[in-house]
N, C-alpha and C. Protein backbone atom coordinates (compact mmCIF):
# COMPACT_ATOMS: atom_id res chain seq x y z
N MET A 1 -23.52 -51.92 -28.33
CA MET A 1 -23.79 -50.59 -28.83
C MET A 1 -24.82 -49.87 -27.96
N GLY A 2 -25.79 -50.63 -27.41
CA GLY A 2 -26.83 -50.04 -26.59
C GLY A 2 -26.29 -49.48 -25.28
N SER A 3 -25.35 -50.19 -24.67
CA SER A 3 -24.80 -49.71 -23.41
C SER A 3 -23.96 -48.45 -23.61
N PHE A 4 -23.31 -48.35 -24.76
CA PHE A 4 -22.54 -47.14 -25.06
C PHE A 4 -23.46 -45.94 -25.17
N LEU A 5 -24.60 -46.11 -25.84
CA LEU A 5 -25.56 -45.01 -26.00
C LEU A 5 -26.17 -44.63 -24.66
N THR A 6 -26.28 -45.56 -23.75
CA THR A 6 -26.80 -45.27 -22.42
C THR A 6 -25.75 -44.53 -21.59
N ALA A 7 -24.48 -44.84 -21.78
CA ALA A 7 -23.40 -44.23 -21.01
C ALA A 7 -23.13 -42.80 -21.43
N VAL A 8 -23.41 -42.43 -22.66
CA VAL A 8 -23.11 -41.08 -23.16
C VAL A 8 -23.82 -40.01 -22.34
N PRO A 9 -25.14 -40.12 -22.07
CA PRO A 9 -25.78 -39.08 -21.26
C PRO A 9 -25.19 -38.97 -19.85
N PHE A 10 -24.81 -40.09 -19.24
CA PHE A 10 -24.20 -40.06 -17.91
C PHE A 10 -22.83 -39.40 -17.94
N MET A 11 -22.06 -39.63 -18.98
CA MET A 11 -20.76 -38.97 -19.13
C MET A 11 -20.96 -37.46 -19.33
N ALA A 12 -21.96 -37.10 -20.12
CA ALA A 12 -22.26 -35.68 -20.33
C ALA A 12 -22.68 -35.02 -19.03
N LEU A 13 -23.48 -35.71 -18.23
CA LEU A 13 -23.90 -35.19 -16.94
C LEU A 13 -22.70 -35.02 -16.01
N ALA A 14 -21.81 -36.00 -15.97
CA ALA A 14 -20.62 -35.92 -15.12
C ALA A 14 -19.74 -34.75 -15.54
N ILE A 15 -19.55 -34.56 -16.83
CA ILE A 15 -18.74 -33.44 -17.33
C ILE A 15 -19.40 -32.12 -16.98
N SER A 16 -20.71 -32.03 -17.10
CA SER A 16 -21.44 -30.80 -16.76
C SER A 16 -21.32 -30.48 -15.28
N LEU A 17 -21.44 -31.48 -14.42
CA LEU A 17 -21.31 -31.25 -12.98
C LEU A 17 -19.90 -30.82 -12.61
N ALA A 18 -18.90 -31.45 -13.23
CA ALA A 18 -17.51 -31.05 -12.97
C ALA A 18 -17.28 -29.62 -13.43
N SER A 19 -17.83 -29.26 -14.58
CA SER A 19 -17.70 -27.90 -15.09
C SER A 19 -18.37 -26.90 -14.16
N LEU A 20 -19.55 -27.24 -13.66
CA LEU A 20 -20.26 -26.38 -12.72
C LEU A 20 -19.44 -26.19 -11.44
N TYR A 21 -18.87 -27.28 -10.92
CA TYR A 21 -18.05 -27.21 -9.71
C TYR A 21 -16.85 -26.28 -9.91
N PHE A 22 -16.11 -26.45 -11.00
CA PHE A 22 -14.92 -25.62 -11.23
C PHE A 22 -15.28 -24.18 -11.54
N SER A 23 -16.41 -23.94 -12.18
CA SER A 23 -16.85 -22.56 -12.44
C SER A 23 -17.20 -21.85 -11.14
N ARG A 24 -17.93 -22.53 -10.27
CA ARG A 24 -18.30 -21.92 -8.98
C ARG A 24 -17.05 -21.67 -8.14
N ARG A 25 -16.15 -22.64 -8.11
CA ARG A 25 -14.91 -22.48 -7.35
C ARG A 25 -14.11 -21.28 -7.86
N SER A 26 -14.00 -21.14 -9.16
CA SER A 26 -13.28 -20.01 -9.76
C SER A 26 -13.99 -18.70 -9.43
N TRP A 27 -15.30 -18.68 -9.47
CA TRP A 27 -16.05 -17.47 -9.16
C TRP A 27 -15.81 -17.06 -7.71
N LEU A 28 -15.84 -18.03 -6.79
CA LEU A 28 -15.62 -17.73 -5.38
C LEU A 28 -14.21 -17.18 -5.13
N GLN A 29 -13.22 -17.70 -5.84
CA GLN A 29 -11.85 -17.22 -5.67
C GLN A 29 -11.65 -15.82 -6.23
N SER A 30 -12.35 -15.48 -7.28
CA SER A 30 -12.16 -14.17 -7.89
C SER A 30 -13.11 -13.11 -7.33
N ASN A 31 -14.15 -13.50 -6.63
CA ASN A 31 -15.11 -12.56 -6.05
C ASN A 31 -15.09 -12.69 -4.53
N ARG A 32 -14.03 -12.17 -3.96
CA ARG A 32 -13.82 -12.27 -2.53
C ARG A 32 -12.99 -11.09 -2.05
N PRO A 33 -12.97 -10.84 -0.77
CA PRO A 33 -12.05 -9.82 -0.25
C PRO A 33 -10.62 -10.34 -0.28
N ILE A 34 -9.68 -9.45 -0.51
CA ILE A 34 -8.26 -9.76 -0.43
C ILE A 34 -7.64 -8.68 0.45
N VAL A 35 -7.27 -9.05 1.65
CA VAL A 35 -6.80 -8.09 2.64
C VAL A 35 -5.29 -8.22 2.83
N THR A 36 -4.60 -7.09 2.78
CA THR A 36 -3.16 -7.05 3.03
C THR A 36 -2.87 -5.99 4.10
N ALA A 37 -1.73 -6.14 4.74
CA ALA A 37 -1.27 -5.17 5.73
C ALA A 37 0.18 -4.83 5.42
N PHE A 38 0.51 -3.55 5.56
CA PHE A 38 1.88 -3.12 5.28
C PHE A 38 2.18 -1.83 6.02
N VAL A 39 3.46 -1.54 6.17
CA VAL A 39 3.91 -0.30 6.80
C VAL A 39 4.10 0.73 5.69
N SER A 40 3.58 1.93 5.93
CA SER A 40 3.68 3.01 4.94
C SER A 40 4.12 4.30 5.61
N ASP A 41 4.72 5.17 4.84
CA ASP A 41 5.15 6.47 5.35
C ASP A 41 3.93 7.34 5.65
N HIS A 42 3.94 7.98 6.81
CA HIS A 42 2.93 8.99 7.11
C HIS A 42 3.48 10.36 6.72
N GLY A 43 4.70 10.58 7.10
CA GLY A 43 5.38 11.82 6.77
C GLY A 43 6.86 11.62 6.98
N SER A 44 7.65 12.37 6.22
CA SER A 44 9.09 12.24 6.42
C SER A 44 9.75 13.59 6.23
N GLY A 45 10.87 13.71 6.91
CA GLY A 45 11.66 14.92 6.82
C GLY A 45 13.11 14.54 6.67
N ASN A 46 13.98 15.48 7.00
CA ASN A 46 15.41 15.20 6.85
C ASN A 46 15.98 14.44 8.04
N ILE A 47 15.20 14.23 9.09
CA ILE A 47 15.69 13.52 10.26
C ILE A 47 14.94 12.22 10.51
N SER A 48 13.62 12.22 10.34
CA SER A 48 12.87 11.02 10.67
C SER A 48 11.69 10.81 9.73
N THR A 49 11.17 9.60 9.79
CA THR A 49 9.98 9.23 9.04
C THR A 49 8.99 8.64 10.01
N THR A 50 7.78 9.18 10.02
CA THR A 50 6.72 8.59 10.83
C THR A 50 5.99 7.56 9.98
N LEU A 51 5.58 6.49 10.62
CA LEU A 51 5.02 5.35 9.89
C LEU A 51 3.58 5.07 10.28
N ASN A 52 2.83 4.53 9.35
CA ASN A 52 1.48 4.03 9.59
C ASN A 52 1.45 2.54 9.29
N LEU A 53 0.60 1.83 9.98
CA LEU A 53 0.27 0.45 9.63
C LEU A 53 -1.02 0.53 8.83
N VAL A 54 -0.99 0.08 7.59
CA VAL A 54 -2.13 0.19 6.68
C VAL A 54 -2.72 -1.20 6.45
N VAL A 55 -4.04 -1.28 6.53
CA VAL A 55 -4.77 -2.50 6.21
C VAL A 55 -5.64 -2.16 5.01
N SER A 56 -5.47 -2.94 3.93
CA SER A 56 -6.11 -2.62 2.66
C SER A 56 -6.89 -3.81 2.12
N ASN A 57 -8.07 -3.55 1.58
CA ASN A 57 -8.87 -4.59 0.92
C ASN A 57 -8.84 -4.32 -0.58
N THR A 58 -8.07 -5.09 -1.31
CA THR A 58 -7.96 -4.92 -2.75
C THR A 58 -8.88 -5.88 -3.51
N GLY A 59 -9.66 -6.66 -2.78
CA GLY A 59 -10.61 -7.56 -3.42
C GLY A 59 -11.85 -6.80 -3.87
N ASN A 60 -12.81 -7.53 -4.40
CA ASN A 60 -14.01 -6.85 -4.91
C ASN A 60 -15.24 -7.10 -4.05
N ARG A 61 -15.04 -7.57 -2.80
CA ARG A 61 -16.13 -7.72 -1.84
C ARG A 61 -15.65 -7.23 -0.49
N PRO A 62 -16.55 -6.77 0.37
CA PRO A 62 -16.15 -6.32 1.70
C PRO A 62 -15.58 -7.46 2.54
N ALA A 63 -14.67 -7.12 3.43
CA ALA A 63 -14.11 -8.08 4.39
C ALA A 63 -14.71 -7.77 5.76
N THR A 64 -14.89 -8.81 6.56
CA THR A 64 -15.45 -8.63 7.90
C THR A 64 -14.47 -9.16 8.94
N ASN A 65 -14.54 -8.56 10.12
CA ASN A 65 -13.74 -9.00 11.28
C ASN A 65 -12.27 -9.23 10.93
N VAL A 66 -11.67 -8.20 10.39
CA VAL A 66 -10.25 -8.26 9.98
C VAL A 66 -9.39 -8.16 11.23
N ARG A 67 -8.48 -9.11 11.36
CA ARG A 67 -7.59 -9.11 12.53
C ARG A 67 -6.17 -9.42 12.09
N LEU A 68 -5.21 -8.67 12.64
CA LEU A 68 -3.79 -8.91 12.43
C LEU A 68 -3.27 -9.69 13.62
N ILE A 69 -2.51 -10.75 13.34
CA ILE A 69 -2.00 -11.61 14.40
C ILE A 69 -0.49 -11.79 14.23
N ALA A 70 0.22 -11.63 15.33
CA ALA A 70 1.66 -11.87 15.35
C ALA A 70 2.05 -12.29 16.76
N ALA A 71 3.09 -13.06 16.85
CA ALA A 71 3.59 -13.49 18.16
C ALA A 71 4.18 -12.29 18.90
N GLU A 72 3.97 -12.27 20.20
CA GLU A 72 4.48 -11.16 21.03
C GLU A 72 5.98 -10.96 20.84
N ASN A 73 6.74 -12.06 20.79
CA ASN A 73 8.19 -11.96 20.61
C ASN A 73 8.53 -11.32 19.28
N ASP A 74 7.76 -11.67 18.23
CA ASP A 74 8.01 -11.07 16.91
C ASP A 74 7.71 -9.58 16.93
N ILE A 75 6.60 -9.20 17.54
CA ILE A 75 6.25 -7.78 17.61
C ILE A 75 7.35 -7.01 18.33
N SER A 76 7.87 -7.59 19.40
CA SER A 76 8.94 -6.94 20.17
C SER A 76 10.20 -6.73 19.33
N ARG A 77 10.42 -7.58 18.33
CA ARG A 77 11.59 -7.41 17.46
C ARG A 77 11.48 -6.16 16.59
N LEU A 78 10.28 -5.63 16.42
CA LEU A 78 10.09 -4.41 15.62
C LEU A 78 10.43 -3.15 16.40
N ILE A 79 10.43 -3.25 17.71
CA ILE A 79 10.55 -2.09 18.59
C ILE A 79 11.88 -2.14 19.32
N LYS A 80 12.54 -1.00 19.39
CA LYS A 80 13.79 -0.95 20.16
C LYS A 80 13.47 -1.10 21.65
N PRO A 81 14.32 -1.81 22.37
CA PRO A 81 14.09 -2.00 23.81
C PRO A 81 14.07 -0.69 24.58
N THR A 82 14.70 0.35 24.03
CA THR A 82 14.77 1.65 24.71
C THR A 82 13.52 2.50 24.47
N ALA A 83 12.58 2.01 23.67
CA ALA A 83 11.37 2.77 23.40
C ALA A 83 10.54 2.90 24.68
N GLN A 84 9.88 4.03 24.82
CA GLN A 84 9.03 4.26 25.98
C GLN A 84 7.92 3.21 26.02
N PRO A 85 7.51 2.78 27.22
CA PRO A 85 6.47 1.75 27.34
C PRO A 85 5.17 2.11 26.61
N ILE A 86 4.79 3.37 26.60
CA ILE A 86 3.56 3.77 25.91
C ILE A 86 3.68 3.53 24.40
N ARG A 87 4.87 3.75 23.86
CA ARG A 87 5.09 3.51 22.44
C ARG A 87 5.12 2.01 22.13
N GLN A 88 5.71 1.23 23.01
CA GLN A 88 5.70 -0.22 22.84
C GLN A 88 4.28 -0.76 22.85
N LYS A 89 3.46 -0.26 23.79
CA LYS A 89 2.07 -0.69 23.89
C LYS A 89 1.30 -0.32 22.63
N MET A 90 1.57 0.87 22.10
CA MET A 90 0.87 1.33 20.89
C MET A 90 1.07 0.34 19.73
N ILE A 91 2.27 -0.19 19.59
CA ILE A 91 2.56 -1.15 18.52
C ILE A 91 1.90 -2.49 18.84
N HIS A 92 2.03 -2.98 20.05
CA HIS A 92 1.43 -4.25 20.44
C HIS A 92 -0.09 -4.22 20.29
N ASP A 93 -0.71 -3.08 20.57
CA ASP A 93 -2.16 -2.96 20.49
C ASP A 93 -2.71 -3.23 19.09
N CYS A 94 -1.91 -3.01 18.07
CA CYS A 94 -2.36 -3.23 16.69
C CYS A 94 -2.68 -4.70 16.42
N PHE A 95 -2.12 -5.58 17.25
CA PHE A 95 -2.28 -7.02 17.05
C PHE A 95 -3.18 -7.67 18.09
N GLN A 96 -3.88 -6.86 18.86
CA GLN A 96 -4.79 -7.38 19.88
C GLN A 96 -6.19 -7.58 19.31
N GLU A 97 -6.96 -8.41 19.97
CA GLU A 97 -8.32 -8.69 19.52
C GLU A 97 -9.19 -7.44 19.51
N ALA A 98 -8.90 -6.49 20.39
CA ALA A 98 -9.66 -5.25 20.46
C ALA A 98 -9.49 -4.41 19.19
N ALA A 99 -8.45 -4.69 18.40
CA ALA A 99 -8.19 -3.90 17.19
C ALA A 99 -8.86 -4.50 15.94
N ILE A 100 -9.78 -5.44 16.11
CA ILE A 100 -10.48 -6.03 14.96
C ILE A 100 -11.23 -4.94 14.20
N ILE A 101 -11.13 -5.00 12.89
CA ILE A 101 -11.88 -4.07 12.03
C ILE A 101 -13.17 -4.79 11.63
N PRO A 102 -14.34 -4.32 12.10
CA PRO A 102 -15.58 -5.04 11.84
C PRO A 102 -15.92 -5.19 10.36
N ILE A 103 -15.70 -4.13 9.59
CA ILE A 103 -15.94 -4.23 8.14
C ILE A 103 -14.95 -3.34 7.41
N LEU A 104 -14.36 -3.89 6.38
CA LEU A 104 -13.41 -3.17 5.53
C LEU A 104 -13.95 -3.26 4.11
N ARG A 105 -14.48 -2.14 3.63
CA ARG A 105 -15.11 -2.12 2.31
C ARG A 105 -14.09 -2.45 1.22
N ASN A 106 -14.58 -3.00 0.12
CA ASN A 106 -13.68 -3.25 -1.00
C ASN A 106 -13.13 -1.91 -1.50
N GLY A 107 -11.82 -1.89 -1.70
CA GLY A 107 -11.14 -0.66 -2.12
C GLY A 107 -10.76 0.25 -0.97
N GLU A 108 -11.10 -0.10 0.25
CA GLU A 108 -10.82 0.77 1.40
C GLU A 108 -9.46 0.45 2.02
N GLU A 109 -8.80 1.50 2.51
CA GLU A 109 -7.56 1.38 3.28
C GLU A 109 -7.76 2.10 4.61
N LEU A 110 -7.43 1.42 5.68
CA LEU A 110 -7.46 2.05 6.99
C LEU A 110 -6.04 2.05 7.53
N SER A 111 -5.70 3.08 8.32
CA SER A 111 -4.35 3.14 8.86
C SER A 111 -4.37 3.58 10.31
N THR A 112 -3.30 3.24 10.99
CA THR A 112 -3.10 3.68 12.37
C THR A 112 -1.61 3.99 12.54
N CYS A 113 -1.29 4.86 13.48
CA CYS A 113 0.12 5.22 13.66
C CYS A 113 0.91 3.98 14.08
N PHE A 114 2.13 3.89 13.57
CA PHE A 114 2.93 2.69 13.79
C PHE A 114 4.40 3.03 14.00
N GLY A 115 4.66 4.11 14.70
CA GLY A 115 6.03 4.39 15.07
C GLY A 115 6.75 5.35 14.16
N ALA A 116 8.06 5.43 14.40
CA ALA A 116 8.92 6.34 13.65
C ALA A 116 10.32 5.77 13.58
N ILE A 117 10.99 6.08 12.49
CA ILE A 117 12.39 5.72 12.33
C ILE A 117 13.15 7.00 12.01
N THR A 118 14.39 7.05 12.45
CA THR A 118 15.21 8.22 12.16
C THR A 118 16.20 7.87 11.07
N THR A 119 16.55 8.89 10.30
CA THR A 119 17.48 8.67 9.20
C THR A 119 18.90 9.09 9.55
N ARG A 120 19.05 9.89 10.57
CA ARG A 120 20.40 10.38 10.90
C ARG A 120 20.99 9.68 12.11
N ASP A 121 20.36 9.83 13.26
CA ASP A 121 20.88 9.24 14.49
C ASP A 121 20.00 8.06 14.87
N ASN A 122 20.44 6.88 14.52
CA ASN A 122 19.65 5.68 14.76
C ASN A 122 19.37 5.45 16.24
N ASN A 123 20.12 6.09 17.13
CA ASN A 123 19.89 5.92 18.57
C ASN A 123 18.57 6.55 19.01
N GLU A 124 18.07 7.55 18.27
CA GLU A 124 16.82 8.21 18.63
C GLU A 124 15.61 7.47 18.07
N SER A 125 15.80 6.58 17.16
CA SER A 125 14.70 5.83 16.57
C SER A 125 14.13 4.86 17.59
N TRP A 126 12.81 4.71 17.63
CA TRP A 126 12.23 3.74 18.56
C TRP A 126 11.67 2.52 17.84
N MET A 127 11.82 2.47 16.53
CA MET A 127 11.50 1.27 15.75
C MET A 127 12.80 0.73 15.18
N GLU A 128 12.88 -0.58 15.03
CA GLU A 128 14.07 -1.22 14.47
C GLU A 128 14.01 -1.14 12.95
N HIS A 129 14.69 -0.16 12.38
CA HIS A 129 14.68 0.02 10.93
C HIS A 129 15.16 -1.25 10.24
N GLY A 130 14.37 -1.75 9.29
CA GLY A 130 14.72 -2.95 8.55
C GLY A 130 14.22 -4.24 9.17
N ALA A 131 13.70 -4.17 10.40
CA ALA A 131 13.18 -5.39 11.04
C ALA A 131 11.98 -5.91 10.26
N GLN A 132 11.90 -7.22 10.14
CA GLN A 132 10.81 -7.83 9.38
C GLN A 132 10.30 -9.05 10.13
N ILE A 133 8.98 -9.18 10.20
CA ILE A 133 8.36 -10.34 10.84
C ILE A 133 7.26 -10.87 9.92
N GLU A 134 6.81 -12.07 10.21
CA GLU A 134 5.67 -12.65 9.51
C GLU A 134 4.43 -12.40 10.35
N ILE A 135 3.37 -11.93 9.71
CA ILE A 135 2.10 -11.76 10.40
C ILE A 135 1.03 -12.59 9.69
N ARG A 136 -0.05 -12.83 10.39
CA ARG A 136 -1.19 -13.52 9.78
C ARG A 136 -2.37 -12.56 9.79
N VAL A 137 -3.06 -12.47 8.67
CA VAL A 137 -4.26 -11.65 8.56
C VAL A 137 -5.44 -12.62 8.44
N GLU A 138 -6.37 -12.51 9.37
CA GLU A 138 -7.57 -13.35 9.35
C GLU A 138 -8.77 -12.46 9.12
N TYR A 139 -9.68 -12.89 8.27
CA TYR A 139 -10.87 -12.11 7.97
C TYR A 139 -11.93 -13.01 7.35
N GLY A 140 -13.12 -12.47 7.21
CA GLY A 140 -14.21 -13.20 6.60
C GLY A 140 -14.84 -12.39 5.50
N ASP A 141 -15.89 -12.96 4.91
CA ASP A 141 -16.67 -12.21 3.93
C ASP A 141 -18.12 -12.15 4.42
N LEU A 142 -18.97 -11.49 3.69
CA LEU A 142 -20.35 -11.31 4.11
C LEU A 142 -21.15 -12.61 4.13
N ASP A 143 -20.66 -13.64 3.45
CA ASP A 143 -21.34 -14.93 3.42
C ASP A 143 -20.83 -15.89 4.48
N GLY A 144 -19.92 -15.44 5.34
CA GLY A 144 -19.43 -16.26 6.43
C GLY A 144 -18.20 -17.10 6.11
N ARG A 145 -17.66 -16.99 4.90
CA ARG A 145 -16.43 -17.73 4.59
C ARG A 145 -15.26 -17.05 5.29
N CYS A 146 -14.29 -17.84 5.74
CA CYS A 146 -13.13 -17.31 6.46
C CYS A 146 -11.87 -17.48 5.63
N TYR A 147 -10.96 -16.51 5.76
CA TYR A 147 -9.71 -16.51 5.01
C TYR A 147 -8.56 -16.21 5.97
N LYS A 148 -7.39 -16.77 5.66
CA LYS A 148 -6.16 -16.49 6.41
C LYS A 148 -5.05 -16.29 5.39
N SER A 149 -4.26 -15.27 5.61
CA SER A 149 -3.11 -15.01 4.75
C SER A 149 -1.91 -14.70 5.63
N GLU A 150 -0.75 -15.20 5.25
CA GLU A 150 0.48 -14.86 5.95
C GLU A 150 1.30 -13.97 5.04
N MET A 151 1.89 -12.95 5.63
CA MET A 151 2.67 -11.99 4.84
C MET A 151 3.75 -11.35 5.69
N PRO A 152 4.79 -10.83 5.05
CA PRO A 152 5.84 -10.13 5.81
C PRO A 152 5.40 -8.71 6.16
N LEU A 153 5.89 -8.24 7.28
CA LEU A 153 5.68 -6.85 7.69
C LEU A 153 7.07 -6.30 8.01
N LYS A 154 7.50 -5.28 7.27
CA LYS A 154 8.85 -4.75 7.42
C LYS A 154 8.81 -3.28 7.79
N ILE A 155 9.69 -2.90 8.70
CA ILE A 155 9.81 -1.51 9.14
C ILE A 155 10.81 -0.80 8.24
N TYR A 156 10.30 0.01 7.35
CA TYR A 156 11.15 0.81 6.47
C TYR A 156 10.29 1.88 5.81
N ALA A 157 10.95 2.90 5.30
CA ALA A 157 10.24 3.95 4.58
C ALA A 157 9.99 3.47 3.16
N ARG A 158 8.73 3.40 2.76
CA ARG A 158 8.40 2.92 1.40
C ARG A 158 8.91 3.92 0.37
N GLU A 159 8.80 5.19 0.69
CA GLU A 159 9.34 6.23 -0.19
C GLU A 159 10.84 6.23 0.02
N GLY A 160 11.58 5.80 -0.96
CA GLY A 160 13.02 5.64 -0.81
C GLY A 160 13.32 4.29 -0.19
N PHE A 161 12.62 3.25 -0.66
CA PHE A 161 12.72 1.91 -0.07
C PHE A 161 14.14 1.38 -0.01
N ALA A 162 15.04 1.87 -0.87
CA ALA A 162 16.43 1.40 -0.86
C ALA A 162 17.33 2.32 -0.03
N GLY A 163 16.74 3.36 0.57
CA GLY A 163 17.52 4.20 1.47
C GLY A 163 17.65 5.66 1.10
N SER A 164 17.16 6.07 -0.08
CA SER A 164 17.28 7.47 -0.41
C SER A 164 16.21 7.88 -1.43
N VAL A 165 15.95 9.18 -1.48
CA VAL A 165 15.02 9.76 -2.46
C VAL A 165 15.63 11.07 -2.94
N TRP A 166 15.14 11.54 -4.09
CA TRP A 166 15.59 12.84 -4.59
C TRP A 166 14.98 13.93 -3.73
N GLU A 167 15.74 14.97 -3.52
CA GLU A 167 15.27 16.10 -2.75
C GLU A 167 14.19 16.83 -3.52
N ALA A 168 13.11 17.19 -2.83
CA ALA A 168 12.01 17.94 -3.47
C ALA A 168 12.46 19.38 -3.69
N ARG A 169 12.09 19.92 -4.82
CA ARG A 169 12.46 21.33 -5.12
C ARG A 169 11.23 22.19 -5.22
């Protein structure tokens, strides 16, 4: 009976430490930056849609050193081979180390131009409409923790994602 009474405080201590560990782990997971990247419409008309690449922090803490990473071959699949070299470079530059975002505040969205697609004559489009690749987003938080997320990046107009929208009156 004596050894049982001695073991009870140690069991209580072990349960308390486990509870503390899981509480801290849960707090760290819910209080962190969450960074996503996606293609969004900048403007659209009856012939073409201009696109932006948007990087968004939907978490509740700032993100630091945000970088988008993709293989060169994958990036090239987003761009038509007939696109002008300056336009091809513009897309590739989004995934270079020089494009790191030093700080992305919680709730902030930053965007950069990311090409255009045409709705009528696909031959004039310089982005491959419907092309999709996997990218990796790497970033940190203010306490030095590092995060990596993989997500799809697809070239399409978000407004009318299935191919059409109602005409504005």
